[in-house]
Amino acid sequence: MTTAHSPIPLRVWVHTRQGHRAVDGVAVAWTSRAVRVRYLDEHGRQGFAWVWANAVVRR
């Protein structure tokens, strides 16, 4: 696992109680197949999630 020295801005698909959503976030760690992201939900709450690498796009 690689940890980011500084967060990398990205757009990410996450699964919430309301369904799947594309949100802005930052990559904080990754492997060859997955990315750990920090994001804000639609209510401004911070969330963390591991997502597949193909669910993120750098901003």
Protein backbone atom coordinates (compact mmCIF):
# COMPACT_ATOMS: atom_id res chain seq x y z
CA MET A 1 0.00 0.00 0.00
CA THR A 2 1.20 3.50 -0.88
CA THR A 3 0.26 6.49 1.27
CA ALA A 4 0.01 9.94 -0.32
CA HIS A 5 2.44 12.58 0.99
CA SER A 6 -0.22 15.14 0.12
CA PRO A 7 -3.83 14.33 -0.86
CA ILE A 8 -4.48 13.95 -4.61
CA PRO A 9 -7.71 15.65 -5.82
CA LEU A 10 -10.10 13.37 -7.70
CA ARG A 11 -13.67 12.66 -8.69
CA VAL A 12 -14.90 9.36 -7.25
CA TRP A 13 -17.97 7.15 -7.38
CA VAL A 14 -19.09 6.09 -3.89
CA HIS A 15 -22.05 4.08 -2.64
CA THR A 16 -24.20 5.89 -0.07
CA ARG A 17 -27.58 5.15 1.48
CA GLN A 18 -29.13 7.15 -1.37
CA GLY A 19 -27.33 5.10 -4.01
CA HIS A 20 -24.21 5.60 -6.08
CA ARG A 21 -22.91 9.16 -6.38
CA ALA A 22 -20.00 10.90 -8.07
CA VAL A 23 -18.36 13.23 -5.52
CA ASP A 24 -15.17 15.28 -5.25
CA GLY A 25 -12.58 13.84 -2.92
CA VAL A 26 -8.90 13.15 -2.41
CA ALA A 27 -6.83 9.99 -2.59
CA VAL A 28 -5.04 9.29 0.70
CA ALA A 29 -3.69 5.80 -0.09
CA TRP A 30 -3.78 3.20 -2.87
CA THR A 31 -2.78 -0.22 -4.07
CA SER A 32 -2.50 -1.42 -7.66
CA ARG A 33 -6.26 -2.13 -7.71
CA ALA A 34 -7.93 0.11 -5.12
CA VAL A 35 -7.85 3.67 -3.76
CA ARG A 36 -8.67 4.93 -0.25
CA VAL A 37 -10.51 8.22 -0.64
CA ARG A 38 -11.65 10.98 1.69
CA TYR A 39 -14.74 12.85 0.50
CA LEU A 40 -17.58 15.07 1.67
CA ASP A 41 -21.13 13.79 1.27
CA GLU A 42 -24.08 15.93 0.19
CA HIS A 43 -24.56 17.05 3.83
CA GLY A 44 -20.94 18.16 4.25
CA ARG A 45 -19.93 15.16 6.37
CA GLN A 46 -16.51 13.65 5.82
CA GLY A 47 -16.37 10.03 4.70
CA PHE A 48 -13.66 7.51 3.89
CA ALA A 49 -13.96 4.56 1.52
CA TRP A 50 -11.88 2.04 -0.37
CA VAL A 51 -12.99 1.99 -4.01
CA TRP A 52 -11.82 0.17 -7.12
CA ALA A 53 -9.16 2.13 -8.99
CA ASN A 54 -11.41 2.48 -12.06
CA ALA A 55 -13.97 4.39 -9.91
CA VAL A 56 -11.69 7.46 -9.65
CA VAL A 57 -10.56 10.17 -12.07
CA ARG A 58 -7.93 12.77 -11.19
CA ARG A 59 -9.11 16.39 -11.20
